């Protein structure tokens, strides 16, 4: 039997169905059949409940990893490498250091030490 009118469900009924759909280990279609509604309604009510709980804003879960520990610079030689090529180093805190490859390793250590202090 098909009706010309849409069924209207109380907010309490909707909440009961949404809670049952999350707490039950059964598929949403089975929970929907238990309550006599279409599965798409259950999904819509779940989406609306999440939006209401979040104040209308949707967020994606994020896991923040600890910041990587800085690795010591490899020593090629105390004299450095031949001049003429630029190198950029970006540290985890966003500080960017640009220097010529002719810079000695000792001088580079001094500069990096000054930046960290």
C-alpha atoms as a PDB file:
ATOM      1  CA  UNK A   1       0.000   0.000   0.000  1.00  0.00           C
ATOM      2  CA  UNK A   2       1.417   3.355  -1.048  1.00  0.00           C
ATOM      3  CA  UNK A   3       0.456   6.527   0.753  1.00  0.00           C
ATOM      4  CA  UNK A   4       0.285  10.059  -0.634  1.00  0.00           C
ATOM      5  CA  UNK A   5       1.626  11.437   2.634  1.00  0.00           C
ATOM      6  CA  UNK A   6       5.090  11.220   4.069  1.00  0.00           C
ATOM      7  CA  UNK A   7       5.411   9.814   7.523  1.00  0.00           C
ATOM      8  CA  UNK A   8       6.654  12.187  10.165  1.00  0.00           C
ATOM      9  CA  UNK A   9       8.862  10.904  12.985  1.00  0.00           C
ATOM     10  CA  UNK A  10       9.356  12.615  16.311  1.00  0.00           C
ATOM     11  CA  UNK A  11      12.830  13.785  17.312  1.00  0.00           C
ATOM     12  CA  UNK A  12      12.754  11.208  20.122  1.00  0.00           C
ATOM     13  CA  UNK A  13      12.074   8.389  17.650  1.00  0.00           C
ATOM     14  CA  UNK A  14      14.854   9.603  15.356  1.00  0.00           C
ATOM     15  CA  UNK A  15      17.288   9.764  18.283  1.00  0.00           C
ATOM     16  CA  UNK A  16      16.304   6.243  19.366  1.00  0.00           C
ATOM     17  CA  UNK A  17      16.945   4.889  15.844  1.00  0.00           C
ATOM     18  CA  UNK A  18      20.279   6.719  15.548  1.00  0.00           C
ATOM     19  CA  UNK A  19      21.471   5.423  18.918  1.00  0.00           C
ATOM     20  CA  UNK A  20      20.369   1.893  18.009  1.00  0.00           C
ATOM     21  CA  UNK A  21      22.234   2.115  14.685  1.00  0.00           C
ATOM     22  CA  UNK A  22      25.473   3.011  16.471  1.00  0.00           C
ATOM     23  CA  UNK A  23      25.130   0.630  19.413  1.00  0.00           C
ATOM     24  CA  UNK A  24      23.976  -2.378  17.411  1.00  0.00           C
ATOM     25  CA  UNK A  25      26.496  -4.615  15.705  1.00  0.00           C
ATOM     26  CA  UNK A  26      23.952  -5.214  12.960  1.00  0.00           C
ATOM     27  CA  UNK A  27      23.978  -3.449   9.575  1.00  0.00           C
ATOM     28  CA  UNK A  28      22.056  -0.184   9.287  1.00  0.00           C
ATOM     29  CA  UNK A  29      19.559  -1.802   6.905  1.00  0.00           C
ATOM     30  CA  UNK A  30      18.583  -4.320   9.613  1.00  0.00           C
ATOM     31  CA  UNK A  31      18.173  -1.600  12.243  1.00  0.00           C
ATOM     32  CA  UNK A  32      16.091   0.418   9.764  1.00  0.00           C
ATOM     33  CA  UNK A  33      13.856  -2.608   9.070  1.00  0.00           C
ATOM     34  CA  UNK A  34      13.404  -3.152  12.809  1.00  0.00           C
ATOM     35  CA  UNK A  35      12.028   0.385  13.171  1.00  0.00           C
ATOM     36  CA  UNK A  36      10.122   0.357   9.869  1.00  0.00           C
ATOM     37  CA  UNK A  37      12.093   3.091   8.096  1.00  0.00           C
ATOM     38  CA  UNK A  38      14.262   3.194   4.993  1.00  0.00           C
ATOM     39  CA  UNK A  39      18.043   2.845   5.552  1.00  0.00           C
ATOM     40  CA  UNK A  40      18.676   6.172   3.782  1.00  0.00           C
ATOM     41  CA  UNK A  41      16.648   7.899   6.521  1.00  0.00           C
ATOM     42  CA  UNK A  42      18.854   6.353   9.182  1.00  0.00           C
ATOM     43  CA  UNK A  43      21.982   7.577   7.412  1.00  0.00           C
ATOM     44  CA  UNK A  44      20.446  11.064   7.037  1.00  0.00           C
ATOM     45  CA  UNK A  45      19.460  11.175  10.716  1.00  0.00           C
ATOM     46  CA  UNK A  46      22.955  10.058  11.734  1.00  0.00           C
ATOM     47  CA  UNK A  47      24.520  12.801   9.584  1.00  0.00           C
ATOM     48  CA  UNK A  48      22.160  15.405  11.051  1.00  0.00           C
ATOM     49  CA  UNK A  49      22.912  14.229  14.608  1.00  0.00           C
ATOM     50  CA  UNK A  50      26.678  14.523  13.992  1.00  0.00           C
ATOM     51  CA  UNK A  51      26.266  18.012  12.521  1.00  0.00           C
ATOM     52  CA  UNK A  52      24.135  19.104  15.471  1.00  0.00           C
ATOM     53  CA  UNK A  53      26.625  17.673  17.982  1.00  0.00           C
ATOM     54  CA  UNK A  54      29.478  19.518  16.261  1.00  0.00           C
ATOM     55  CA  UNK A  55      27.616  22.785  15.973  1.00  0.00           C
ATOM     56  CA  UNK A  56      27.202  22.373  12.225  1.00  0.00           C
ATOM     57  CA  UNK A  57      30.938  22.109  11.598  1.00  0.00           C
ATOM     58  CA  UNK A  58      32.483  18.952  10.252  1.00  0.00           C
ATOM     59  CA  UNK A  59      35.974  17.890  11.272  1.00  0.00           C
ATOM     60  CA  UNK A  60      38.204  15.048  10.199  1.00  0.00           C
ATOM     61  CA  UNK A  61      39.982  13.057  12.918  1.00  0.00           C
ATOM     62  CA  UNK A  62      43.697  13.894  13.044  1.00  0.00           C
ATOM     63  CA  UNK A  63      46.559  12.183  14.805  1.00  0.00           C
ATOM     64  CA  UNK A  64      49.468  14.452  15.680  1.00  0.00           C
ATOM     65  CA  UNK A  65      52.849  12.776  15.631  1.00  0.00           C
ATOM     66  CA  UNK A  66      55.710  14.030  17.769  1.00  0.00           C
ATOM     67  CA  UNK A  67      58.102  16.383  16.027  1.00  0.00           C
ATOM     68  CA  UNK A  68      61.085  14.575  14.537  1.00  0.00           C
ATOM     69  CA  UNK A  69      64.342  14.968  16.393  1.00  0.00           C
ATOM     70  CA  UNK A  70      66.910  16.968  14.418  1.00  0.00           C
ATOM     71  CA  UNK A  71      69.673  14.815  13.025  1.00  0.00           C
ATOM     72  CA  UNK A  72      73.287  16.022  13.238  1.00  0.00           C
ATOM     73  CA  UNK A  73      74.736  17.342  10.016  1.00  0.00           C
ATOM     74  CA  UNK A  74      77.120  14.966   8.323  1.00  0.00           C
ATOM     75  CA  UNK A  75      80.725  16.131   8.251  1.00  0.00           C
ATOM     76  CA  UNK A  76      82.235  16.058   4.786  1.00  0.00           C
ATOM     77  CA  UNK A  77      85.337  17.994   5.597  1.00  0.00           C
ATOM     78  CA  UNK A  78      86.354  20.885   7.794  1.00  0.00           C
ATOM     79  CA  UNK A  79      87.059  23.021   4.725  1.00  0.00           C
ATOM     80  CA  UNK A  80      83.575  22.584   3.220  1.00  0.00           C
ATOM     81  CA  UNK A  81      82.837  21.983  -0.431  1.00  0.00           C
ATOM     82  CA  UNK A  82      83.716  24.156  -3.407  1.00  0.00           C
ATOM     83  CA  UNK A  83      81.891  27.506  -3.470  1.00  0.00           C
ATOM     84  CA  UNK A  84      79.264  28.457  -6.004  1.00  0.00           C
ATOM     85  CA  UNK A  85      76.257  26.309  -5.115  1.00  0.00           C
ATOM     86  CA  UNK A  86      73.504  27.430  -2.766  1.00  0.00           C
ATOM     87  CA  UNK A  87      71.860  25.068  -0.285  1.00  0.00           C
ATOM     88  CA  UNK A  88      68.626  25.606   1.652  1.00  0.00           C
ATOM     89  CA  UNK A  89      67.792  23.900   4.925  1.00  0.00           C
ATOM     90  CA  UNK A  90      64.325  24.224   6.450  1.00  0.00           C
ATOM     91  CA  UNK A  91      64.142  23.290  10.131  1.00  0.00           C
ATOM     92  CA  UNK A  92      61.028  21.694  11.709  1.00  0.00           C
ATOM     93  CA  UNK A  93      60.080  25.013  13.348  1.00  0.00           C
ATOM     94  CA  UNK A  94      59.967  26.698   9.917  1.00  0.00           C
ATOM     95  CA  UNK A  95      63.304  28.557  10.078  1.00  0.00           C
ATOM     96  CA  UNK A  96      64.966  28.530   6.655  1.00  0.00           C
ATOM     97  CA  UNK A  97      68.735  28.738   6.314  1.00  0.00           C
ATOM     98  CA  UNK A  98      70.378  29.363   2.945  1.00  0.00           C
ATOM     99  CA  UNK A  99      74.140  29.175   2.550  1.00  0.00           C
ATOM    100  CA  UNK A 100      76.834  28.638  -0.023  1.00  0.00           C
ATOM    101  CA  UNK A 101      78.308  25.144  -0.237  1.00  0.00           C
ATOM    102  CA  UNK A 102      81.759  26.658   0.346  1.00  0.00           C
ATOM    103  CA  UNK A 103      80.823  27.330   3.977  1.00  0.00           C
ATOM    104  CA  UNK A 104      82.955  25.277   6.362  1.00  0.00           C
ATOM    105  CA  UNK A 105      81.316  22.688   8.589  1.00  0.00           C
ATOM    106  CA  UNK A 106      82.561  24.484  11.729  1.00  0.00           C
ATOM    107  CA  UNK A 107      81.031  27.794  10.636  1.00  0.00           C
ATOM    108  CA  UNK A 108      77.766  26.044   9.739  1.00  0.00           C
ATOM    109  CA  UNK A 109      77.666  24.477  13.236  1.00  0.00           C
ATOM    110  CA  UNK A 110      78.111  27.947  14.760  1.00  0.00           C
ATOM    111  CA  UNK A 111      75.236  29.361  12.702  1.00  0.00           C
ATOM    112  CA  UNK A 112      72.917  26.456  13.480  1.00  0.00           C
ATOM    113  CA  UNK A 113      73.810  26.708  17.162  1.00  0.00           C
ATOM    114  CA  UNK A 114      72.954  30.400  17.147  1.00  0.00           C
ATOM    115  CA  UNK A 115      69.600  29.692  15.516  1.00  0.00           C
ATOM    116  CA  UNK A 116      68.708  27.086  18.128  1.00  0.00           C
ATOM    117  CA  UNK A 117      69.501  29.356  21.080  1.00  0.00           C
END
